[in-house]
Amino acid sequence: MRQGLAERRSQSTALPIEIGFLAHHGHAPESLHQAAILAQWTGVSADEFLLKHGLVDENAFYRALAAELQMPFWQLPACQRQHNIPEASWQAWRP
């Protein structure tokens, strides 16, 4: 290293595991890398950053994750608080 200059070394382009799979499902690796940097800077996980900031739609995120894991993706209907769904109904969906 020369005095006063930063070392030249290659920087990692690896994506965090929680979002890396998205690069295989139509999301630009550079955008994912930038989001990962911002997530680290703000102190949250990369997936949380992408989802909370609307950079990746939640449905698209979990659909891509299911495809990556070679699992089916079942989209459940959205339920809102005003719907009175008995607790027994929710028990059927819990693992």
PDB file of N, CA and C in Angstrom:
ATOM      1  N   MET A   1       0.839  -1.179   0.000  1.00  0.00           N
ATOM      2  CA  MET A   1       0.000   0.000   0.000  1.00  0.00           C
ATOM      3  C   MET A   1       0.879   1.235   0.000  1.00  0.00           C
ATOM      4  N   ARG A   2       0.507   2.174  -0.831  1.00  0.00           N
ATOM      5  CA  ARG A   2       1.237   3.439  -0.839  1.00  0.00           C
ATOM      6  C   ARG A   2       0.655   4.365   0.209  1.00  0.00           C
ATOM      7  N   GLN A   3       1.485   5.202   0.720  1.00  0.00           N
ATOM      8  CA  GLN A   3       1.073   6.146   1.766  1.00  0.00           C
ATOM      9  C   GLN A   3      -0.073   7.029   1.268  1.00  0.00           C
ATOM     10  N   GLY A   4      -1.154   7.059   2.022  1.00  0.00           N
ATOM     11  CA  GLY A   4      -2.260   7.955   1.705  1.00  0.00           C
ATOM     12  C   GLY A   4      -3.253   7.435   0.674  1.00  0.00           C
ATOM     13  N   LEU A   5      -2.999   6.297   0.089  1.00  0.00           N
ATOM     14  CA  LEU A   5      -3.924   5.753  -0.902  1.00  0.00           C
ATOM     15  C   LEU A   5      -4.505   4.441  -0.392  1.00  0.00           C
ATOM     16  N   ALA A   6      -5.727   4.241  -0.715  1.00  0.00           N
ATOM     17  CA  ALA A   6      -6.372   2.989  -0.311  1.00  0.00           C
ATOM     18  C   ALA A   6      -5.833   1.844  -1.149  1.00  0.00           C
ATOM     19  N   GLU A   7      -5.822   0.677  -0.572  1.00  0.00           N
ATOM     20  CA  GLU A   7      -5.394  -0.512  -1.308  1.00  0.00           C
ATOM     21  C   GLU A   7      -6.393  -0.800  -2.417  1.00  0.00           C
ATOM     22  N   ARG A   8      -5.848  -1.255  -3.520  1.00  0.00           N
ATOM     23  CA  ARG A   8      -6.729  -1.693  -4.600  1.00  0.00           C
ATOM     24  C   ARG A   8      -6.984  -3.178  -4.421  1.00  0.00           C
ATOM     25  N   ARG A   9      -8.188  -3.516  -4.135  1.00  0.00           N
ATOM     26  CA  ARG A   9      -8.540  -4.928  -4.026  1.00  0.00           C
ATOM     27  C   ARG A   9      -9.950  -5.101  -4.561  1.00  0.00           C
ATOM     28  N   SER A  10     -10.210  -6.257  -5.067  1.00  0.00           N
ATOM     29  CA  SER A  10     -11.533  -6.480  -5.650  1.00  0.00           C
ATOM     30  C   SER A  10     -12.576  -6.529  -4.544  1.00  0.00           C
ATOM     31  N   GLN A  11     -13.690  -5.915  -4.831  1.00  0.00           N
ATOM     32  CA  GLN A  11     -14.781  -5.918  -3.863  1.00  0.00           C
ATOM     33  C   GLN A  11     -15.710  -7.080  -4.163  1.00  0.00           C
ATOM     34  N   SER A  12     -16.316  -7.595  -3.116  1.00  0.00           N
ATOM     35  CA  SER A  12     -17.220  -8.725  -3.270  1.00  0.00           C
ATOM     36  C   SER A  12     -18.487  -8.287  -3.996  1.00  0.00           C
ATOM     37  N   THR A  13     -18.906  -9.085  -4.945  1.00  0.00           N
ATOM     38  CA  THR A  13     -20.172  -8.833  -5.635  1.00  0.00           C
ATOM     39  C   THR A  13     -21.209  -9.875  -5.231  1.00  0.00           C
ATOM     40  N   ALA A  14     -20.865 -10.691  -4.244  1.00  0.00           N
ATOM     41  CA  ALA A  14     -21.798 -11.717  -3.780  1.00  0.00           C
ATOM     42  C   ALA A  14     -22.999 -11.054  -3.125  1.00  0.00           C
ATOM     43  N   LEU A  15     -24.146 -11.593  -3.416  1.00  0.00           N
ATOM     44  CA  LEU A  15     -25.380 -11.078  -2.816  1.00  0.00           C
ATOM     45  C   LEU A  15     -25.679 -11.838  -1.540  1.00  0.00           C
ATOM     46  N   PRO A  16     -26.324 -11.176  -0.583  1.00  0.00           N
ATOM     47  CA  PRO A  16     -26.737 -11.894   0.628  1.00  0.00           C
ATOM     48  C   PRO A  16     -27.661 -13.057   0.251  1.00  0.00           C
ATOM     49  N   ILE A  17     -27.571 -14.119   1.001  1.00  0.00           N
ATOM     50  CA  ILE A  17     -28.330 -15.330   0.678  1.00  0.00           C
ATOM     51  C   ILE A  17     -29.841 -15.081   0.677  1.00  0.00           C
ATOM     52  N   GLU A  18     -30.290 -14.143   1.501  1.00  0.00           N
ATOM     53  CA  GLU A  18     -31.737 -13.911   1.594  1.00  0.00           C
ATOM     54  C   GLU A  18     -32.317 -13.229   0.360  1.00  0.00           C
ATOM     55  N   ILE A  19     -31.470 -12.682  -0.532  1.00  0.00           N
ATOM     56  CA  ILE A  19     -31.994 -12.080  -1.759  1.00  0.00           C
ATOM     57  C   ILE A  19     -31.282 -12.568  -3.013  1.00  0.00           C
ATOM     58  N   GLY A  20     -30.208 -13.314  -2.872  1.00  0.00           N
ATOM     59  CA  GLY A  20     -29.426 -13.747  -4.023  1.00  0.00           C
ATOM     60  C   GLY A  20     -30.225 -14.513  -5.055  1.00  0.00           C
ATOM     61  N   PHE A  21     -31.181 -15.297  -4.615  1.00  0.00           N
ATOM     62  CA  PHE A  21     -31.988 -16.105  -5.527  1.00  0.00           C
ATOM     63  C   PHE A  21     -32.793 -15.253  -6.490  1.00  0.00           C
ATOM     64  N   LEU A  22     -33.073 -14.002  -6.115  1.00  0.00           N
ATOM     65  CA  LEU A  22     -33.879 -13.131  -6.974  1.00  0.00           C
ATOM     66  C   LEU A  22     -33.180 -12.835  -8.302  1.00  0.00           C
ATOM     67  N   ALA A  23     -31.855 -12.895  -8.299  1.00  0.00           N
ATOM     68  CA  ALA A  23     -31.099 -12.666  -9.533  1.00  0.00           C
ATOM     69  C   ALA A  23     -31.395 -13.745 -10.571  1.00  0.00           C
ATOM     70  N   HIS A  24     -31.835 -14.902 -10.147  1.00  0.00           N
ATOM     71  CA  HIS A  24     -32.169 -16.001 -11.061  1.00  0.00           C
ATOM     72  C   HIS A  24     -33.611 -15.918 -11.528  1.00  0.00           C
ATOM     73  N   HIS A  25     -34.337 -14.903 -11.019  1.00  0.00           N
ATOM     74  CA  HIS A  25     -35.766 -14.810 -11.323  1.00  0.00           C
ATOM     75  C   HIS A  25     -36.148 -13.417 -11.818  1.00  0.00           C
ATOM     76  N   GLY A  26     -35.269 -12.844 -12.640  1.00  0.00           N
ATOM     77  CA  GLY A  26     -35.617 -11.619 -13.340  1.00  0.00           C
ATOM     78  C   GLY A  26     -35.239 -10.305 -12.672  1.00  0.00           C
ATOM     79  N   HIS A  27     -34.561 -10.336 -11.551  1.00  0.00           N
ATOM     80  CA  HIS A  27     -34.177  -9.092 -10.876  1.00  0.00           C
ATOM     81  C   HIS A  27     -32.703  -8.812 -11.154  1.00  0.00           C
ATOM     82  N   ALA A  28     -32.401  -7.566 -11.487  1.00  0.00           N
ATOM     83  CA  ALA A  28     -31.038  -7.186 -11.870  1.00  0.00           C
ATOM     84  C   ALA A  28     -30.078  -7.337 -10.695  1.00  0.00           C
ATOM     85  N   PRO A  29     -29.010  -8.093 -10.856  1.00  0.00           N
ATOM     86  CA  PRO A  29     -28.047  -8.287  -9.774  1.00  0.00           C
ATOM     87  C   PRO A  29     -27.477  -6.966  -9.234  1.00  0.00           C
ATOM     88  N   GLU A  30     -27.233  -6.004 -10.113  1.00  0.00           N
ATOM     89  CA  GLU A  30     -26.688  -4.719  -9.654  1.00  0.00           C
ATOM     90  C   GLU A  30     -27.676  -3.998  -8.726  1.00  0.00           C
ATOM     91  N   SER A  31     -28.957  -4.043  -9.061  1.00  0.00           N
ATOM     92  CA  SER A  31     -29.977  -3.420  -8.205  1.00  0.00           C
ATOM     93  C   SER A  31     -30.052  -4.131  -6.854  1.00  0.00           C
ATOM     94  N   LEU A  32     -29.965  -5.449  -6.883  1.00  0.00           N
ATOM     95  CA  LEU A  32     -29.990  -6.218  -5.638  1.00  0.00           C
ATOM     96  C   LEU A  32     -28.759  -5.907  -4.794  1.00  0.00           C
ATOM     97  N   HIS A  33     -27.620  -5.751  -5.449  1.00  0.00           N
ATOM     98  CA  HIS A  33     -26.383  -5.431  -4.739  1.00  0.00           C
ATOM     99  C   HIS A  33     -26.490  -4.051  -4.080  1.00  0.00           C
ATOM    100  N   GLN A  34     -27.025  -3.084  -4.800  1.00  0.00           N
ATOM    101  CA  GLN A  34     -27.201  -1.739  -4.238  1.00  0.00           C
ATOM    102  C   GLN A  34     -28.170  -1.763  -3.057  1.00  0.00           C
ATOM    103  N   ALA A  35     -29.238  -2.526  -3.185  1.00  0.00           N
ATOM    104  CA  ALA A  35     -30.202  -2.644  -2.084  1.00  0.00           C
ATOM    105  C   ALA A  35     -29.546  -3.295  -0.872  1.00  0.00           C
ATOM    106  N   ALA A  36     -28.682  -4.284  -1.104  1.00  0.00           N
ATOM    107  CA  ALA A  36     -27.985  -4.951   0.003  1.00  0.00           C
ATOM    108  C   ALA A  36     -27.070  -3.974   0.736  1.00  0.00           C
ATOM    109  N   ILE A  37     -26.404  -3.112  -0.009  1.00  0.00           N
ATOM    110  CA  ILE A  37     -25.537  -2.099   0.612  1.00  0.00           C
ATOM    111  C   ILE A  37     -26.368  -1.135   1.451  1.00  0.00           C
ATOM    112  N   LEU A  38     -27.477  -0.676   0.895  1.00  0.00           N
ATOM    113  CA  LEU A  38     -28.344   0.243   1.643  1.00  0.00           C
ATOM    114  C   LEU A  38     -28.943  -0.428   2.875  1.00  0.00           C
ATOM    115  N   ALA A  39     -29.284  -1.691   2.744  1.00  0.00           N
ATOM    116  CA  ALA A  39     -29.834  -2.432   3.884  1.00  0.00           C
ATOM    117  C   ALA A  39     -28.812  -2.510   5.004  1.00  0.00           C
ATOM    118  N   GLN A  40     -27.584  -2.833   4.645  1.00  0.00           N
ATOM    119  CA  GLN A  40     -26.528  -2.914   5.655  1.00  0.00           C
ATOM    120  C   GLN A  40     -26.307  -1.555   6.300  1.00  0.00           C
ATOM    121  N   TRP A  41     -26.330  -0.535   5.503  1.00  0.00           N
ATOM    122  CA  TRP A  41     -26.118   0.827   5.997  1.00  0.00           C
ATOM    123  C   TRP A  41     -27.224   1.249   6.973  1.00  0.00           C
ATOM    124  N   THR A  42     -28.466   0.797   6.716  1.00  0.00           N
ATOM    125  CA  THR A  42     -29.591   1.162   7.583  1.00  0.00           C
ATOM    126  C   THR A  42     -29.821   0.176   8.717  1.00  0.00           C
ATOM    127  N   GLY A  43     -29.069  -0.931   8.708  1.00  0.00           N
ATOM    128  CA  GLY A  43     -29.150  -1.872   9.817  1.00  0.00           C
ATOM    129  C   GLY A  43     -30.283  -2.874   9.746  1.00  0.00           C
ATOM    130  N   VAL A  44     -30.756  -3.165   8.542  1.00  0.00           N
ATOM    131  CA  VAL A  44     -31.803  -4.181   8.378  1.00  0.00           C
ATOM    132  C   VAL A  44     -31.316  -5.241   7.404  1.00  0.00           C
ATOM    133  N   SER A  45     -32.004  -6.352   7.350  1.00  0.00           N
ATOM    134  CA  SER A  45     -31.635  -7.398   6.401  1.00  0.00           C
ATOM    135  C   SER A  45     -32.011  -6.956   4.985  1.00  0.00           C
ATOM    136  N   ALA A  46     -31.344  -7.532   4.011  1.00  0.00           N
ATOM    137  CA  ALA A  46     -31.579  -7.148   2.620  1.00  0.00           C
ATOM    138  C   ALA A  46     -33.003  -7.460   2.165  1.00  0.00           C
ATOM    139  N   ASP A  47     -33.530  -8.603   2.578  1.00  0.00           N
ATOM    140  CA  ASP A  47     -34.901  -8.935   2.178  1.00  0.00           C
ATOM    141  C   ASP A  47     -35.904  -7.973   2.795  1.00  0.00           C
ATOM    142  N   GLU A  48     -35.696  -7.615   4.049  1.00  0.00           N
ATOM    143  CA  GLU A  48     -36.587  -6.658   4.706  1.00  0.00           C
ATOM    144  C   GLU A  48     -36.541  -5.312   3.990  1.00  0.00           C
ATOM    145  N   PHE A  49     -35.354  -4.890   3.608  1.00  0.00           N
ATOM    146  CA  PHE A  49     -35.198  -3.617   2.905  1.00  0.00           C
ATOM    147  C   PHE A  49     -35.961  -3.635   1.583  1.00  0.00           C
ATOM    148  N   LEU A  50     -35.775  -4.697   0.802  1.00  0.00           N
ATOM    149  CA  LEU A  50     -36.460  -4.794  -0.485  1.00  0.00           C
ATOM    150  C   LEU A  50     -37.973  -4.759  -0.339  1.00  0.00           C
ATOM    151  N   LEU A  51     -38.488  -5.522   0.618  1.00  0.00           N
ATOM    152  CA  LEU A  51     -39.931  -5.621   0.787  1.00  0.00           C
ATOM    153  C   LEU A  51     -40.539  -4.351   1.390  1.00  0.00           C
ATOM    154  N   LYS A  52     -39.916  -3.816   2.418  1.00  0.00           N
ATOM    155  CA  LYS A  52     -40.490  -2.637   3.093  1.00  0.00           C
ATOM    156  C   LYS A  52     -40.441  -1.384   2.237  1.00  0.00           C
ATOM    157  N   HIS A  53     -39.475  -1.317   1.339  1.00  0.00           N
ATOM    158  CA  HIS A  53     -39.367  -0.146   0.471  1.00  0.00           C
ATOM    159  C   HIS A  53     -40.045  -0.367  -0.878  1.00  0.00           C
ATOM    160  N   GLY A  54     -40.696  -1.506  -1.031  1.00  0.00           N
ATOM    161  CA  GLY A  54     -41.451  -1.776  -2.248  1.00  0.00           C
ATOM    162  C   GLY A  54     -40.588  -1.979  -3.484  1.00  0.00           C
ATOM    163  N   LEU A  55     -39.327  -2.339  -3.283  1.00  0.00           N
ATOM    164  CA  LEU A  55     -38.435  -2.553  -4.421  1.00  0.00           C
ATOM    165  C   LEU A  55     -38.712  -3.884  -5.101  1.00  0.00           C
ATOM    166  N   VAL A  56     -39.252  -4.807  -4.350  1.00  0.00           N
ATOM    167  CA  VAL A  56     -39.724  -6.090  -4.884  1.00  0.00           C
ATOM    168  C   VAL A  56     -41.084  -6.338  -4.262  1.00  0.00           C
ATOM    169  N   ASP A  57     -42.047  -6.649  -5.111  1.00  0.00           N
ATOM    170  CA  ASP A  57     -43.386  -6.962  -4.634  1.00  0.00           C
ATOM    171  C   ASP A  57     -43.344  -8.219  -3.769  1.00  0.00           C
ATOM    172  N   GLU A  58     -44.059  -8.204  -2.669  1.00  0.00           N
ATOM    173  CA  GLU A  58     -44.044  -9.343  -1.743  1.00  0.00           C
ATOM    174  C   GLU A  58     -44.482 -10.629  -2.428  1.00  0.00           C
ATOM    175  N   ASN A  59     -45.503 -10.537  -3.245  1.00  0.00           N
ATOM    176  CA  ASN A  59     -45.985 -11.710  -3.963  1.00  0.00           C
ATOM    177  C   ASN A  59     -44.897 -12.248  -4.900  1.00  0.00           C
ATOM    178  N   ALA A  60     -44.218 -11.351  -5.613  1.00  0.00           N
ATOM    179  CA  ALA A  60     -43.141 -11.754  -6.530  1.00  0.00           C
ATOM    180  C   ALA A  60     -41.968 -12.356  -5.759  1.00  0.00           C
ATOM    181  N   PHE A  61     -41.660 -11.784  -4.591  1.00  0.00           N
ATOM    182  CA  PHE A  61     -40.558 -12.291  -3.761  1.00  0.00           C
ATOM    183  C   PHE A  61     -40.805 -13.743  -3.359  1.00  0.00           C
ATOM    184  N   TYR A  62     -41.985 -14.004  -2.809  1.00  0.00           N
ATOM    185  CA  TYR A  62     -42.263 -15.356  -2.328  1.00  0.00           C
ATOM    186  C   TYR A  62     -42.517 -16.343  -3.471  1.00  0.00           C
ATOM    187  N   ARG A  63     -43.018 -15.857  -4.591  1.00  0.00           N
ATOM    188  CA  ARG A  63     -43.181 -16.722  -5.767  1.00  0.00           C
ATOM    189  C   ARG A  63     -41.798 -17.162  -6.268  1.00  0.00           C
ATOM    190  N   ALA A  64     -40.843 -16.213  -6.310  1.00  0.00           N
ATOM    191  CA  ALA A  64     -39.478 -16.534  -6.744  1.00  0.00           C
ATOM    192  C   ALA A  64     -38.803 -17.475  -5.748  1.00  0.00           C
ATOM    193  N   LEU A  65     -39.033 -17.248  -4.460  1.00  0.00           N
ATOM    194  CA  LEU A  65     -38.450 -18.122  -3.438  1.00  0.00           C
ATOM    195  C   LEU A  65     -38.983 -19.551  -3.583  1.00  0.00           C
ATOM    196  N   ALA A  66     -40.281 -19.661  -3.787  1.00  0.00           N
ATOM    197  CA  ALA A  66     -40.876 -20.994  -3.969  1.00  0.00           C
ATOM    198  C   ALA A  66     -40.292 -21.673  -5.211  1.00  0.00           C
ATOM    199  N   ALA A  67     -40.140 -20.920  -6.287  1.00  0.00           N
ATOM    200  CA  ALA A  67     -39.562 -21.490  -7.513  1.00  0.00           C
ATOM    201  C   ALA A  67     -38.119 -21.922  -7.272  1.00  0.00           C
ATOM    202  N   GLU A  68     -37.365 -21.123  -6.546  1.00  0.00           N
ATOM    203  CA  GLU A  68     -35.971 -21.458  -6.245  1.00  0.00           C
ATOM    204  C   GLU A  68     -35.874 -22.754  -5.442  1.00  0.00           C
ATOM    205  N   LEU A  69     -36.817 -22.944  -4.537  1.00  0.00           N
ATOM    206  CA  LEU A  69     -36.836 -24.139  -3.689  1.00  0.00           C
ATOM    207  C   LEU A  69     -37.584 -25.305  -4.338  1.00  0.00           C
ATOM    208  N   GLN A  70     -38.055 -25.070  -5.558  1.00  0.00           N
ATOM    209  CA  GLN A  70     -38.826 -26.064  -6.295  1.00  0.00           C
ATOM    210  C   GLN A  70     -40.034 -26.532  -5.488  1.00  0.00           C
ATOM    211  N   MET A  71     -40.717 -25.549  -4.938  1.00  0.00           N
ATOM    212  CA  MET A  71     -41.924 -25.793  -4.138  1.00  0.00           C
ATOM    213  C   MET A  71     -43.101 -25.079  -4.793  1.00  0.00           C
ATOM    214  N   PRO A  72     -44.303 -25.548  -4.564  1.00  0.00           N
ATOM    215  CA  PRO A  72     -45.465 -24.833  -5.114  1.00  0.00           C
ATOM    216  C   PRO A  72     -45.672 -23.516  -4.377  1.00  0.00           C
ATOM    217  N   PHE A  73     -46.227 -22.558  -5.057  1.00  0.00           N
ATOM    218  CA  PHE A  73     -46.566 -21.276  -4.446  1.00  0.00           C
ATOM    219  C   PHE A  73     -48.074 -21.178  -4.392  1.00  0.00           C
ATOM    220  N   TRP A  74     -48.588 -21.083  -3.203  1.00  0.00           N
ATOM    221  CA  TRP A  74     -50.025 -20.945  -3.011  1.00  0.00           C
ATOM    222  C   TRP A  74     -50.295 -19.556  -2.495  1.00  0.00           C
ATOM    223  N   GLN A  75     -51.026 -18.803  -3.267  1.00  0.00           N
ATOM    224  CA  GLN A  75     -51.383 -17.463  -2.835  1.00  0.00           C
ATOM    225  C   GLN A  75     -52.726 -17.533  -2.120  1.00  0.00           C
ATOM    226  N   LEU A  76     -52.696 -17.189  -0.847  1.00  0.00           N
ATOM    227  CA  LEU A  76     -53.925 -17.188  -0.067  1.00  0.00           C
ATOM    228  C   LEU A  76     -54.642 -15.860  -0.252  1.00  0.00           C
ATOM    229  N   PRO A  77     -55.941 -15.855  -0.200  1.00  0.00           N
ATOM    230  CA  PRO A  77     -56.651 -14.579  -0.326  1.00  0.00           C
ATOM    231  C   PRO A  77     -56.298 -13.665   0.843  1.00  0.00           C
ATOM    232  N   ALA A  78     -56.180 -12.392   0.557  1.00  0.00           N
ATOM    233  CA  ALA A  78     -55.884 -11.416   1.603  1.00  0.00           C
ATOM    234  C   ALA A  78     -57.095 -11.270   2.519  1.00  0.00           C
ATOM    235  N   CYS A  79     -56.856 -11.315   3.803  1.00  0.00           N
ATOM    236  CA  CYS A  79     -57.920 -11.143   4.784  1.00  0.00           C
ATOM    237  C   CYS A  79     -57.675  -9.836   5.525  1.00  0.00           C
ATOM    238  N   GLN A  80     -58.720  -9.128   5.762  1.00  0.00           N
ATOM    239  CA  GLN A  80     -58.585  -7.866   6.472  1.00  0.00           C
ATOM    240  C   GLN A  80     -59.248  -7.984   7.833  1.00  0.00           C
ATOM    241  N   ARG A  81     -58.898  -7.059   8.713  1.00  0.00           N
ATOM    242  CA  ARG A  81     -59.397  -7.112  10.094  1.00  0.00           C
ATOM    243  C   ARG A  81     -60.928  -7.122  10.170  1.00  0.00           C
ATOM    244  N   GLN A  82     -61.604  -6.428   9.270  1.00  0.00           N
ATOM    245  CA  GLN A  82     -63.054  -6.360   9.379  1.00  0.00           C
ATOM    246  C   GLN A  82     -63.732  -7.699   9.084  1.00  0.00           C
ATOM    247  N   HIS A  83     -62.995  -8.613   8.440  1.00  0.00           N
ATOM    248  CA  HIS A  83     -63.550  -9.947   8.232  1.00  0.00           C
ATOM    249  C   HIS A  83     -63.478 -10.709   9.543  1.00  0.00           C
ATOM    250  N   ASN A  84     -64.556 -11.296   9.911  1.00  0.00           N
ATOM    251  CA  ASN A  84     -64.622 -12.038  11.166  1.00  0.00           C
ATOM    252  C   ASN A  84     -64.340 -13.508  10.873  1.00  0.00           C
ATOM    253  N   ILE A  85     -63.084 -13.860  10.965  1.00  0.00           N
ATOM    254  CA  ILE A  85     -62.684 -15.233  10.670  1.00  0.00           C
ATOM    255  C   ILE A  85     -62.450 -15.960  11.988  1.00  0.00           C
ATOM    256  N   PRO A  86     -63.157 -17.045  12.215  1.00  0.00           N
ATOM    257  CA  PRO A  86     -62.991 -17.770  13.476  1.00  0.00           C
ATOM    258  C   PRO A  86     -61.562 -18.281  13.641  1.00  0.00           C
ATOM    259  N   GLU A  87     -61.107 -18.345  14.882  1.00  0.00           N
ATOM    260  CA  GLU A  87     -59.753 -18.813  15.193  1.00  0.00           C
ATOM    261  C   GLU A  87     -59.513 -20.217  14.641  1.00  0.00           C
ATOM    262  N   ALA A  88     -60.517 -21.048  14.638  1.00  0.00           N
ATOM    263  CA  ALA A  88     -60.365 -22.413  14.131  1.00  0.00           C
ATOM    264  C   ALA A  88     -59.960 -22.414  12.659  1.00  0.00           C
ATOM    265  N   SER A  89     -60.434 -21.449  11.902  1.00  0.00           N
ATOM    266  CA  SER A  89     -60.066 -21.364  10.489  1.00  0.00           C
ATOM    267  C   SER A  89     -58.592 -21.063  10.329  1.00  0.00           C
ATOM    268  N   TRP A  90     -58.054 -20.207  11.194  1.00  0.00           N
ATOM    269  CA  TRP A  90     -56.637 -19.863  11.118  1.00  0.00           C
ATOM    270  C   TRP A  90     -55.771 -21.056  11.519  1.00  0.00           C
ATOM    271  N   GLN A  91     -56.261 -21.881  12.390  1.00  0.00           N
ATOM    272  CA  GLN A  91     -55.479 -23.036  12.847  1.00  0.00           C
ATOM    273  C   GLN A  91     -55.157 -23.968  11.682  1.00  0.00           C
ATOM    274  N   ALA A  92     -56.023 -24.038  10.710  1.00  0.00           N
ATOM    275  CA  ALA A  92     -55.810 -24.928   9.562  1.00  0.00           C
ATOM    276  C   ALA A  92     -54.628 -24.478   8.723  1.00  0.00           C
ATOM    277  N   TRP A  93     -54.271 -23.205   8.760  1.00  0.00           N
ATOM    278  CA  TRP A  93     -53.181 -22.678   7.939  1.00  0.00           C
ATOM    279  C   TRP A  93     -51.859 -22.627   8.650  1.00  0.00           C
ATOM    280  N   ARG A  94     -51.852 -22.844   9.951  1.00  0.00           N
ATOM    281  CA  ARG A  94     -50.611 -22.791  10.711  1.00  0.00           C
ATOM    282  C   ARG A  94     -49.836 -24.090  10.553  1.00  0.00           C
ATOM    283  N   PRO A  95     -48.506 -23.973  10.475  1.00  0.00           N
ATOM    284  CA  PRO A  95     -47.716 -25.210  10.334  1.00  0.00           C
ATOM    285  C   PRO A  95     -47.745 -26.051  11.592  1.00  0.00           C
TER     286      PRO A  95
END
